[in-house]
C-alpha atoms as a PDB file:
ATOM      1  CA  MET A   1     -31.775  27.350  11.022  1.00  0.00           C
ATOM      2  CA  THR A   2     -32.334  30.710  10.040  1.00  0.00           C
ATOM      3  CA  SER A   3     -29.870  31.560   7.368  1.00  0.00           C
ATOM      4  CA  THR A   4     -27.254  29.835   5.566  1.00  0.00           C
ATOM      5  CA  PRO A   5     -24.085  29.086   7.383  1.00  0.00           C
ATOM      6  CA  PRO A   6     -21.098  31.276   6.162  1.00  0.00           C
ATOM      7  CA  TRP A   7     -18.222  29.364   4.410  1.00  0.00           C
ATOM      8  CA  GLU A   8     -15.699  30.992   6.771  1.00  0.00           C
ATOM      9  CA  LEU A   9     -17.876  29.472   9.947  1.00  0.00           C
ATOM     10  CA  LEU A  10     -17.465  25.974   8.096  1.00  0.00           C
ATOM     11  CA  HIS A  11     -14.069  26.452   7.242  1.00  0.00           C
ATOM     12  CA  THR A  12     -13.229  26.664  11.032  1.00  0.00           C
ATOM     13  CA  LEU A  13     -15.453  23.669  12.016  1.00  0.00           C
ATOM     14  CA  LEU A  14     -13.504  21.762   9.617  1.00  0.00           C
ATOM     15  CA  GLY A  15     -10.043  22.810  11.461  1.00  0.00           C
ATOM     16  CA  VAL A  16     -11.686  21.733  14.903  1.00  0.00           C
ATOM     17  CA  LEU A  17     -12.929  18.367  13.427  1.00  0.00           C
ATOM     18  CA  ARG A  18      -9.442  17.643  12.059  1.00  0.00           C
ATOM     19  CA  GLU A  19      -7.286  19.099  14.744  1.00  0.00           C
ATOM     20  CA  GLY A  20      -9.812  18.113  17.774  1.00  0.00           C
ATOM     21  CA  SER A  21      -9.229  21.402  19.843  1.00  0.00           C
ATOM     22  CA  LEU A  22      -9.703  25.017  19.605  1.00  0.00           C
ATOM     23  CA  SER A  23      -6.251  25.566  19.821  1.00  0.00           C
ATOM     24  CA  GLY A  24      -4.797  23.129  17.209  1.00  0.00           C
ATOM     25  CA  ALA A  25      -7.561  24.898  14.858  1.00  0.00           C
ATOM     26  CA  ALA A  26      -6.245  28.152  15.518  1.00  0.00           C
ATOM     27  CA  ARG A  27      -2.559  26.978  14.584  1.00  0.00           C
ATOM     28  CA  THR A  28      -4.006  25.311  11.293  1.00  0.00           C
ATOM     29  CA  LEU A  29      -6.076  28.396  10.249  1.00  0.00           C
ATOM     30  CA  GLY A  30      -4.009  31.018  11.312  1.00  0.00           C
ATOM     31  CA  LEU A  31      -6.450  32.406  13.848  1.00  0.00           C
ATOM     32  CA  THR A  32      -6.556  33.285  17.384  1.00  0.00           C
ATOM     33  CA  GLN A  33      -8.214  30.625  19.604  1.00  0.00           C
ATOM     34  CA  PRO A  34     -11.068  33.224  20.855  1.00  0.00           C
ATOM     35  CA  THR A  35     -11.677  33.432  17.445  1.00  0.00           C
ATOM     36  CA  VAL A  36     -12.221  29.814  16.309  1.00  0.00           C
ATOM     37  CA  GLY A  37     -14.058  29.540  19.723  1.00  0.00           C
ATOM     38  CA  ARG A  38     -16.596  32.709  18.252  1.00  0.00           C
ATOM     39  CA  HIS A  39     -16.774  30.727  15.179  1.00  0.00           C
ATOM     40  CA  ILE A  40     -18.039  27.431  16.316  1.00  0.00           C
ATOM     41  CA  ALA A  41     -20.568  29.441  18.777  1.00  0.00           C
ATOM     42  CA  ALA A  42     -21.982  31.971  15.802  1.00  0.00           C
ATOM     43  CA  LEU A  43     -22.248  28.495  13.594  1.00  0.00           C
ATOM     44  CA  GLU A  44     -24.178  26.751  16.562  1.00  0.00           C
ATOM     45  CA  GLU A  45     -26.412  29.682  16.619  1.00  0.00           C
ATOM     46  CA  VAL A  46     -27.227  29.551  13.194  1.00  0.00           C
ATOM     47  CA  LEU A  47     -27.832  26.233  12.890  1.00  0.00           C
ATOM     48  CA  GLY A  48     -29.697  25.897  16.311  1.00  0.00           C
ATOM     49  CA  GLN A  49     -27.556  22.478  17.338  1.00  0.00           C
ATOM     50  CA  LEU A  50     -24.720  21.814  19.457  1.00  0.00           C
ATOM     51  CA  LEU A  51     -21.503  20.594  17.483  1.00  0.00           C
ATOM     52  CA  PHE A  52     -19.061  19.618  20.100  1.00  0.00           C
ATOM     53  CA  THR A  53     -18.951  18.559  23.625  1.00  0.00           C
ATOM     54  CA  ARG A  54     -15.861  18.879  26.000  1.00  0.00           C
ATOM     55  CA  SER A  55     -14.094  15.832  27.159  1.00  0.00           C
ATOM     56  CA  PRO A  56     -10.637  15.281  28.990  1.00  0.00           C
ATOM     57  CA  THR A  57      -9.289  14.288  25.615  1.00  0.00           C
ATOM     58  CA  GLY A  58     -10.268  17.246  23.735  1.00  0.00           C
ATOM     59  CA  LEU A  59     -13.483  18.417  22.025  1.00  0.00           C
ATOM     60  CA  LEU A  60     -15.888  15.795  20.854  1.00  0.00           C
ATOM     61  CA  PRO A  61     -17.780  16.215  17.833  1.00  0.00           C
ATOM     62  CA  THR A  62     -21.536  15.666  18.192  1.00  0.00           C
ATOM     63  CA  GLU A  63     -23.471  13.640  15.285  1.00  0.00           C
ATOM     64  CA  ALA A  64     -24.656  17.251  13.821  1.00  0.00           C
ATOM     65  CA  ALA A  65     -21.037  17.977  13.342  1.00  0.00           C
ATOM     66  CA  LEU A  66     -20.353  14.738  11.628  1.00  0.00           C
ATOM     67  CA  ALA A  67     -23.159  14.987   9.535  1.00  0.00           C
ATOM     68  CA  LEU A  68     -21.949  18.468   8.018  1.00  0.00           C
ATOM     69  CA  ARG A  69     -18.276  17.422   7.624  1.00  0.00           C
ATOM     70  CA  GLY A  70     -18.727  15.894   4.289  1.00  0.00           C
ATOM     71  CA  HIS A  71     -20.733  18.979   2.927  1.00  0.00           C
ATOM     72  CA  ALA A  72     -18.049  21.213   4.529  1.00  0.00           C
ATOM     73  CA  GLU A  73     -15.297  19.415   2.597  1.00  0.00           C
ATOM     74  CA  GLN A  74     -17.405  19.677  -0.835  1.00  0.00           C
ATOM     75  CA  MET A  75     -17.297  23.702   0.166  1.00  0.00           C
ATOM     76  CA  GLU A  76     -14.056  23.451   0.722  1.00  0.00           C
ATOM     77  CA  THR A  77     -12.974  21.449  -2.541  1.00  0.00           C
ATOM     78  CA  ALA A  78     -15.189  24.119  -4.333  1.00  0.00           C
ATOM     79  CA  ALA A  79     -13.611  26.871  -2.600  1.00  0.00           C
ATOM     80  CA  ALA A  80     -10.091  25.811  -3.666  1.00  0.00           C
ATOM     81  CA  ALA A  81     -11.064  25.324  -7.111  1.00  0.00           C
ATOM     82  CA  LEU A  82     -12.551  28.913  -7.459  1.00  0.00           C
ATOM     83  CA  GLN A  83      -9.321  29.958  -6.026  1.00  0.00           C
ATOM     84  CA  ARG A  84      -7.118  28.338  -8.874  1.00  0.00           C
ATOM     85  CA  ALA A  85      -9.639  29.520 -11.782  1.00  0.00           C
ATOM     86  CA  ALA A  86      -9.175  33.054 -10.227  1.00  0.00           C
ATOM     87  CA  SER A  87      -5.626  32.889 -10.031  1.00  0.00           C
ATOM     88  CA  ALA A  88      -5.541  32.527 -13.794  1.00  0.00           C
ATOM     89  CA  ARG A  89      -5.363  35.911 -15.879  1.00  0.00           C
ATOM     90  CA  GLY A  90      -6.735  35.292 -19.482  1.00  0.00           C
ATOM     91  CA  THR A  91      -4.598  33.872 -21.754  1.00  0.00           C
ATOM     92  CA  GLU A  92      -1.331  34.373 -19.485  1.00  0.00           C
ATOM     93  CA  LEU A  93       0.517  31.787 -18.395  1.00  0.00           C
ATOM     94  CA  VAL A  94      -0.133  32.474 -14.741  1.00  0.00           C
ATOM     95  CA  GLY A  95      -1.912  30.599 -12.326  1.00  0.00           C
ATOM     96  CA  THR A  96      -2.467  27.693 -10.087  1.00  0.00           C
ATOM     97  CA  VAL A  97      -3.027  24.120 -11.565  1.00  0.00           C
ATOM     98  CA  ARG A  98      -3.630  20.755  -9.332  1.00  0.00           C
ATOM     99  CA  VAL A  99      -2.328  17.771 -10.550  1.00  0.00           C
ATOM    100  CA  THR A 100      -3.603  14.246  -8.878  1.00  0.00           C
ATOM    101  CA  ALA A 101      -1.681  10.997  -9.445  1.00  0.00           C
ATOM    102  CA  SER A 102      -0.502   7.755  -7.878  1.00  0.00           C
ATOM    103  CA  GLU A 103       2.709   7.961  -5.624  1.00  0.00           C
ATOM    104  CA  VAL A 104       4.952   6.524  -7.780  1.00  0.00           C
ATOM    105  CA  ILE A 105       3.985   8.473 -10.955  1.00  0.00           C
ATOM    106  CA  GLY A 106       4.014  11.509  -8.785  1.00  0.00           C
ATOM    107  CA  ILE A 107       7.172  11.215  -7.396  1.00  0.00           C
ATOM    108  CA  GLU A 108       9.532   9.061  -9.981  1.00  0.00           C
ATOM    109  CA  VAL A 109       8.174  10.449 -13.131  1.00  0.00           C
ATOM    110  CA  LEU A 110       6.689  14.208 -12.792  1.00  0.00           C
ATOM    111  CA  PRO A 111       9.241  16.197 -11.072  1.00  0.00           C
ATOM    112  CA  PRO A 112      11.163  16.848 -14.120  1.00  0.00           C
ATOM    113  CA  ILE A 113       8.092  17.893 -15.919  1.00  0.00           C
ATOM    114  CA  PHE A 114       7.155  19.866 -13.048  1.00  0.00           C
ATOM    115  CA  ALA A 115      10.592  21.673 -12.988  1.00  0.00           C
ATOM    116  CA  ALA A 116      10.694  22.194 -16.864  1.00  0.00           C
ATOM    117  CA  LEU A 117       7.575  24.029 -16.747  1.00  0.00           C
ATOM    118  CA  ARG A 118       8.507  26.000 -13.959  1.00  0.00           C
ATOM    119  CA  GLU A 119      11.651  27.166 -15.350  1.00  0.00           C
ATOM    120  CA  ARG A 120       9.967  28.071 -18.505  1.00  0.00           C
ATOM    121  CA  HIS A 121       6.872  29.620 -16.977  1.00  0.00           C
ATOM    122  CA  PRO A 122       7.643  31.160 -13.343  1.00  0.00           C
ATOM    123  CA  GLY A 123       4.105  32.482 -12.968  1.00  0.00           C
ATOM    124  CA  LEU A 124       2.798  29.126 -12.886  1.00  0.00           C
ATOM    125  CA  VAL A 125       1.649  27.314  -9.436  1.00  0.00           C
ATOM    126  CA  LEU A 126       1.673  23.829  -9.198  1.00  0.00           C
ATOM    127  CA  GLU A 127       0.164  21.645  -7.084  1.00  0.00           C
ATOM    128  CA  LEU A 128       0.307  17.825  -6.917  1.00  0.00           C
ATOM    129  CA  ALA A 129      -2.295  15.754  -4.964  1.00  0.00           C
ATOM    130  CA  LEU A 130      -0.677  12.233  -4.745  1.00  0.00           C
ATOM    131  CA  GLY A 131      -2.659   8.871  -4.020  1.00  0.00           C
ATOM    132  CA  ASN A 132      -4.143   5.781  -5.440  1.00  0.00           C
ATOM    133  CA  ARG A 133      -7.631   7.389  -4.849  1.00  0.00           C
ATOM    134  CA  VAL A 134      -9.475   8.713  -7.824  1.00  0.00           C
ATOM    135  CA  GLN A 135     -10.079  12.376  -7.215  1.00  0.00           C
ATOM    136  CA  ASP A 136     -13.222  13.497  -8.691  1.00  0.00           C
ATOM    137  CA  LEU A 137     -12.425  16.229 -11.515  1.00  0.00           C
ATOM    138  CA  LEU A 138     -16.273  16.993 -12.197  1.00  0.00           C
ATOM    139  CA  ARG A 139     -16.241  18.071  -8.663  1.00  0.00           C
ATOM    140  CA  ARG A 140     -12.789  19.779  -9.348  1.00  0.00           C
ATOM    141  CA  GLU A 141     -11.162  18.163  -6.434  1.00  0.00           C
ATOM    142  CA  ALA A 142      -7.942  18.592  -9.075  1.00  0.00           C
ATOM    143  CA  ASP A 143      -7.896  20.079 -12.411  1.00  0.00           C
ATOM    144  CA  ILE A 144      -5.597  17.453 -14.341  1.00  0.00           C
ATOM    145  CA  ALA A 145      -5.573  13.863 -13.262  1.00  0.00           C
ATOM    146  CA  VAL A 146      -2.984  11.072 -14.619  1.00  0.00           C
ATOM    147  CA  ARG A 147      -4.849   8.063 -14.448  1.00  0.00           C
ATOM    148  CA  MET A 148      -4.322   4.015 -15.062  1.00  0.00           C
ATOM    149  CA  THR A 149      -8.022   3.431 -15.979  1.00  0.00           C
ATOM    150  CA  PRO A 150      -9.978   5.077 -18.824  1.00  0.00           C
ATOM    151  CA  PRO A 151     -12.024   7.964 -17.754  1.00  0.00           C
ATOM    152  CA  GLU A 152     -15.624   7.098 -17.710  1.00  0.00           C
ATOM    153  CA  GLN A 153     -17.348  10.533 -17.120  1.00  0.00           C
ATOM    154  CA  GLY A 154     -18.320  12.408 -20.564  1.00  0.00           C
ATOM    155  CA  GLN A 155     -17.302  15.867 -19.411  1.00  0.00           C
ATOM    156  CA  LEU A 156     -13.610  15.175 -19.446  1.00  0.00           C
ATOM    157  CA  ILE A 157     -11.130  15.657 -22.069  1.00  0.00           C
ATOM    158  CA  ALA A 158      -9.112  12.601 -21.960  1.00  0.00           C
ATOM    159  CA  ARG A 159      -5.737  11.768 -23.592  1.00  0.00           C
ATOM    160  CA  ARG A 160      -4.574   8.019 -23.767  1.00  0.00           C
ATOM    161  CA  ILE A 161      -0.788   8.130 -23.679  1.00  0.00           C
ATOM    162  CA  GLY A 162      -0.254   3.881 -24.149  1.00  0.00           C
ATOM    163  CA  SER A 163       0.282   1.128 -21.805  1.00  0.00           C
ATOM    164  CA  ILE A 164       3.372   1.337 -18.886  1.00  0.00           C
ATOM    165  CA  GLU A 165       4.114  -2.523 -18.867  1.00  0.00           C
ATOM    166  CA  LEU A 166       4.501  -3.899 -15.494  1.00  0.00           C
ATOM    167  CA  GLY A 167       6.337  -7.112 -15.009  1.00  0.00           C
ATOM    168  CA  LEU A 168       8.030  -9.186 -12.121  1.00  0.00           C
ATOM    169  CA  HIS A 169      11.471  -7.994 -10.904  1.00  0.00           C
ATOM    170  CA  ALA A 170      13.779  -8.225  -8.588  1.00  0.00           C
ATOM    171  CA  HIS A 171      17.473  -6.595  -7.536  1.00  0.00           C
ATOM    172  CA  PRO A 172      20.222  -8.811  -9.320  1.00  0.00           C
ATOM    173  CA  ALA A 173      22.033  -9.123  -5.567  1.00  0.00           C
ATOM    174  CA  TYR A 174      18.586 -10.866  -4.690  1.00  0.00           C
ATOM    175  CA  LEU A 175      18.483 -13.207  -7.466  1.00  0.00           C
ATOM    176  CA  ASP A 176      22.178 -14.121  -6.829  1.00  0.00           C
ATOM    177  CA  ARG A 177      21.495 -15.314  -3.294  1.00  0.00           C
ATOM    178  CA  ARG A 178      18.149 -16.916  -3.821  1.00  0.00           C
ATOM    179  CA  GLY A 179      18.338 -17.995  -7.529  1.00  0.00           C
ATOM    180  CA  ARG A 180      16.162 -17.186 -10.350  1.00  0.00           C
ATOM    181  CA  PRO A 181      12.706 -18.563 -10.725  1.00  0.00           C
ATOM    182  CA  THR A 182      12.229 -20.326 -14.383  1.00  0.00           C
ATOM    183  CA  SER A 183       8.436 -20.483 -13.704  1.00  0.00           C
ATOM    184  CA  MET A 184       5.493 -19.295 -11.754  1.00  0.00           C
ATOM    185  CA  ALA A 185       5.435 -22.495  -9.666  1.00  0.00           C
ATOM    186  CA  ASP A 186       9.299 -21.825  -8.618  1.00  0.00           C
ATOM    187  CA  MET A 187       7.707 -18.111  -6.934  1.00  0.00           C
ATOM    188  CA  GLN A 188       6.688 -20.458  -3.950  1.00  0.00           C
ATOM    189  CA  GLY A 189      10.428 -20.339  -2.395  1.00  0.00           C
ATOM    190  CA  HIS A 190      10.978 -16.822  -2.998  1.00  0.00           C
ATOM    191  CA  THR A 191      10.243 -13.775  -0.722  1.00  0.00           C
ATOM    192  CA  LEU A 192       7.457 -11.786  -2.601  1.00  0.00           C
ATOM    193  CA  ILE A 193       6.397  -8.456  -2.222  1.00  0.00           C
ATOM    194  CA  GLY A 194       3.007  -7.007  -2.755  1.00  0.00           C
ATOM    195  CA  PHE A 195      -0.210  -5.037  -1.346  1.00  0.00           C
ATOM    196  CA  ASP A 196      -1.768  -5.638   2.057  1.00  0.00           C
ATOM    197  CA  THR A 197      -5.482  -4.506   1.131  1.00  0.00           C
ATOM    198  CA  VAL A 198      -7.315  -6.299  -1.697  1.00  0.00           C
ATOM    199  CA  THR A 199      -8.983  -3.605  -3.495  1.00  0.00           C
ATOM    200  CA  PRO A 200     -11.822  -3.634  -6.141  1.00  0.00           C
ATOM    201  CA  PHE A 201      -8.743  -2.918  -8.885  1.00  0.00           C
ATOM    202  CA  ILE A 202      -6.961  -5.929  -7.575  1.00  0.00           C
ATOM    203  CA  ARG A 203      -9.816  -8.273  -7.097  1.00  0.00           C
ATOM    204  CA  ALA A 204     -10.824  -6.832 -11.150  1.00  0.00           C
ATOM    205  CA  SER A 205      -6.865  -7.808 -12.186  1.00  0.00           C
ATOM    206  CA  ALA A 206      -6.851 -11.028 -10.380  1.00  0.00           C
ATOM    207  CA  LYS A 207      -6.306 -13.143 -13.355  1.00  0.00           C
ATOM    208  CA  ARG A 208      -3.334 -11.138 -14.163  1.00  0.00           C
ATOM    209  CA  LEU A 209      -1.572 -11.832 -11.250  1.00  0.00           C
ATOM    210  CA  GLY A 210      -1.040 -15.811 -11.988  1.00  0.00           C
ATOM    211  CA  GLY A 211      -2.225 -17.059  -8.908  1.00  0.00           C
ATOM    212  CA  ILE A 212      -0.193 -14.562  -6.632  1.00  0.00           C
ATOM    213  CA  SER A 213      -2.663 -13.678  -3.790  1.00  0.00           C
ATOM    214  CA  ARG A 214      -2.039 -11.377  -0.580  1.00  0.00           C
ATOM    215  CA  ASP A 215      -1.158 -14.598   1.185  1.00  0.00           C
ATOM    216  CA  SER A 216       1.617 -15.350  -1.164  1.00  0.00           C
ATOM    217  CA  PHE A 217       3.684 -11.909  -0.049  1.00  0.00           C
ATOM    218  CA  ALA A 218       6.304 -11.946   2.812  1.00  0.00           C
ATOM    219  CA  LEU A 219       6.415  -8.005   2.480  1.00  0.00           C
ATOM    220  CA  ARG A 220       2.659  -6.889   2.455  1.00  0.00           C
ATOM    221  CA  CYS A 221       2.388  -2.816   1.798  1.00  0.00           C
ATOM    222  CA  ASP A 222      -0.202  -0.792   0.151  1.00  0.00           C
ATOM    223  CA  SER A 223       2.014   1.893  -0.952  1.00  0.00           C
ATOM    224  CA  ASP A 224       3.524   1.294  -4.383  1.00  0.00           C
ATOM    225  CA  LEU A 225       6.637   3.572  -3.501  1.00  0.00           C
ATOM    226  CA  ALA A 226       7.518   1.673  -0.497  1.00  0.00           C
ATOM    227  CA  GLN A 227       7.257  -1.697  -2.794  1.00  0.00           C
ATOM    228  CA  LEU A 228       9.179  -0.176  -5.031  1.00  0.00           C
ATOM    229  CA  ALA A 229      12.000   0.785  -2.159  1.00  0.00           C
ATOM    230  CA  LEU A 230      11.943  -2.668  -1.069  1.00  0.00           C
ATOM    231  CA  LEU A 231      12.752  -4.112  -4.691  1.00  0.00           C
ATOM    232  CA  ARG A 232      15.522  -1.748  -4.905  1.00  0.00           C
ATOM    233  CA  ALA A 233      16.755  -2.584  -1.674  1.00  0.00           C
ATOM    234  CA  GLY A 234      16.859  -6.341  -2.780  1.00  0.00           C
ATOM    235  CA  ALA A 235      14.323  -7.489  -0.373  1.00  0.00           C
ATOM    236  CA  GLY A 236      12.417  -9.785  -2.525  1.00  0.00           C
ATOM    237  CA  ILE A 237      10.434 -10.272  -6.324  1.00  0.00           C
ATOM    238  CA  GLY A 238       7.681  -7.703  -6.806  1.00  0.00           C
ATOM    239  CA  VAL A 239       5.952  -5.966  -9.530  1.00  0.00           C
ATOM    240  CA  CYS A 240       7.287  -2.756 -11.033  1.00  0.00           C
ATOM    241  CA  GLN A 241       6.906  -0.419 -14.098  1.00  0.00           C
ATOM    242  CA  LEU A 242       9.478  -1.461 -16.715  1.00  0.00           C
ATOM    243  CA  PRO A 243      10.730   2.042 -17.139  1.00  0.00           C
ATOM    244  CA  LEU A 244      11.573   2.127 -13.679  1.00  0.00           C
ATOM    245  CA  ALA A 245      13.068  -1.016 -13.644  1.00  0.00           C
ATOM    246  CA  ARG A 246      15.400   0.171 -16.048  1.00  0.00           C
ATOM    247  CA  ARG A 247      16.493   3.177 -13.810  1.00  0.00           C
ATOM    248  CA  GLU A 248      19.553   2.687 -11.220  1.00  0.00           C
ATOM    249  CA  PRO A 249      19.619   0.558  -9.420  1.00  0.00           C
ATOM    250  CA  VAL A 250      18.572  -1.610 -12.306  1.00  0.00           C
ATOM    251  CA  LEU A 251      16.110  -4.210 -11.404  1.00  0.00           C
ATOM    252  CA  GLU A 252      16.214  -7.568 -13.493  1.00  0.00           C
ATOM    253  CA  ARG A 253      12.847  -8.882 -15.151  1.00  0.00           C
ATOM    254  CA  LEU A 254      11.501 -12.234 -14.694  1.00  0.00           C
ATOM    255  CA  LEU A 255       9.510 -14.277 -16.345  1.00  0.00           C
ATOM    256  CA  PRO A 256       8.317 -11.989 -18.849  1.00  0.00           C
ATOM    257  CA  GLY A 257       6.752 -14.696 -21.195  1.00  0.00           C
ATOM    258  CA  GLN A 258       4.489 -15.784 -17.850  1.00  0.00           C
ATOM    259  CA  PHE A 259       3.640 -12.682 -16.611  1.00  0.00           C
ATOM    260  CA  ASN A 260       2.757  -9.231 -18.471  1.00  0.00           C
ATOM    261  CA  TRP A 261       0.557  -6.608 -17.346  1.00  0.00           C
ATOM    262  CA  PRO A 262      -0.170  -3.527 -19.398  1.00  0.00           C
ATOM    263  CA  LEU A 263      -1.356  -0.675 -17.702  1.00  0.00           C
ATOM    264  CA  GLU A 264      -3.473   2.106 -19.729  1.00  0.00           C
ATOM    265  CA  THR A 265      -2.392   5.691 -18.882  1.00  0.00           C
ATOM    266  CA  TRP A 266      -4.326   8.639 -19.539  1.00  0.00           C
ATOM    267  CA  VAL A 267      -4.307  12.060 -19.005  1.00  0.00           C
ATOM    268  CA  ALA A 268      -7.529  13.972 -18.014  1.00  0.00           C
ATOM    269  CA  MET A 269      -9.137  17.266 -17.627  1.00  0.00           C
ATOM    270  CA  HIS A 270     -12.411  18.929 -17.102  1.00  0.00           C
ATOM    271  CA  GLU A 271     -13.940  20.172 -20.460  1.00  0.00           C
ATOM    272  CA  ASP A 272     -14.494  23.813 -18.829  1.00  0.00           C
ATOM    273  CA  LEU A 273     -10.810  23.899 -18.281  1.00  0.00           C
ATOM    274  CA  ARG A 274      -9.972  24.007 -22.089  1.00  0.00           C
ATOM    275  CA  GLN A 275     -10.216  27.745 -21.970  1.00  0.00           C
ATOM    276  CA  SER A 276      -7.684  27.965 -19.209  1.00  0.00           C
ATOM    277  CA  ALA A 277      -3.992  28.842 -20.735  1.00  0.00           C
ATOM    278  CA  PRO A 278      -2.083  27.441 -17.425  1.00  0.00           C
ATOM    279  CA  CYS A 279      -4.497  24.151 -17.597  1.00  0.00           C
ATOM    280  CA  ARG A 280      -3.881  23.427 -21.453  1.00  0.00           C
ATOM    281  CA  LEU A 281      -0.047  23.911 -20.946  1.00  0.00           C
ATOM    282  CA  VAL A 282       0.007  21.548 -18.316  1.00  0.00           C
ATOM    283  CA  PHE A 283      -2.037  19.338 -19.853  1.00  0.00           C
ATOM    284  CA  ASP A 284       0.073  19.132 -22.816  1.00  0.00           C
ATOM    285  CA  ALA A 285       3.347  19.090 -21.073  1.00  0.00           C
ATOM    286  CA  LEU A 286       2.220  15.898 -19.280  1.00  0.00           C
ATOM    287  CA  VAL A 287       0.986  14.294 -22.441  1.00  0.00           C
ATOM    288  CA  GLU A 288       4.613  14.769 -23.785  1.00  0.00           C
ATOM    289  CA  GLY A 289       6.408  13.711 -20.958  1.00  0.00           C
ATOM    290  CA  LEU A 290       4.397  10.739 -20.089  1.00  0.00           C
ATOM    291  CA  THR A 291       4.495   9.664 -23.789  1.00  0.00           C
ATOM    292  CA  ARG A 292       8.184   9.705 -23.698  1.00  0.00           C
ATOM    293  CA  TYR A 293       8.491   7.979 -20.232  1.00  0.00           C
ATOM    294  CA  VAL A 294       6.050   4.982 -21.618  1.00  0.00           C
ATOM    295  CA  GLY A 295       8.422   4.802 -24.831  1.00  0.00           C
ATOM    296  CA  ALA A 296      11.430   4.620 -22.495  1.00  0.00           C
END
C-alpha cells in the first residue's frame, strides 16, 4: 500500500459490502454505478489487493474486503460524530444529538421527551438509535445513552435516575380465562412469554427469574417490544416495567412478593460533550423525563 485510503473510497466499500452489488450501493450512497465501480477499482489499486469477485448472485467480498469492514465502520462512526460535533454552534441550541436506548424505552418513553425538546428548540436534530447492544460512547457511536447498567468507563458523565421495577404481569382478560397464579409453582400451568436467546445479562440475572428459564416459555422472542405487545394482547404472562403496566391497556401485576426485579437506570454522556449546549440540553431533558417516568 503506497498511501492511506481516502474515506470516500472506504465509504463506498461499506456500501458494496452491505448491498452486495454496485447498483445497490449506488442507490444507497446517492452515486452512479460507474462512480461506485471507479471507487472500488481505485481502492484496490491503493491497497494492491482484490476486494470483490463476481458470482451469479452478485459480488463476493474477498478476505481482504472483510478484514477492512470493521476498520471502515469505525471510520464511519467517527465521521458521523465529527459531523454532529460540527453541526453544533457554540452556545446556540442548534445541532445534532444522537441518543441510544433500548427498544422499549425508545418507543414507549422517549417520544414525548423528544417532542417537547423539538417544540422548544426547533434547531435541534435528534437521532434515536434503538437496541439492546450497548453502544460505545467513548468511540462516539452515540452522544448520550440511556442504560440499564451502571456505566463503567471513567470518561463518562453519568446520572443515576433510579430503579425501574420489573414484575410479572398479564392482561386481566387472560387471567379471567386461565386463572390467577398464587405462587411461582402455579406458573407451570400458564402460557409464559419470554426471551429466546440466553444473553450474558440474562445469565447474570438468573437468580431473579425464580427458576424460570427459556424452556419455560411458550412464546419466545428477543424483542422486549414484541413481548410487551403479546402481554397487552392477552397472550400470557411475562415481565413488564411497572410504569408501562399502568398504561392502557392496564396489565395486572402478579406475585409481587415473590418476583421483584429493580432495574438500575442511568443517563450517560462523554465528558468531552459537557461544553456542547445541545448535548447538555438533551442530557438534562432525559434526566428530567426519565425521573418522572420512574416515579410514575
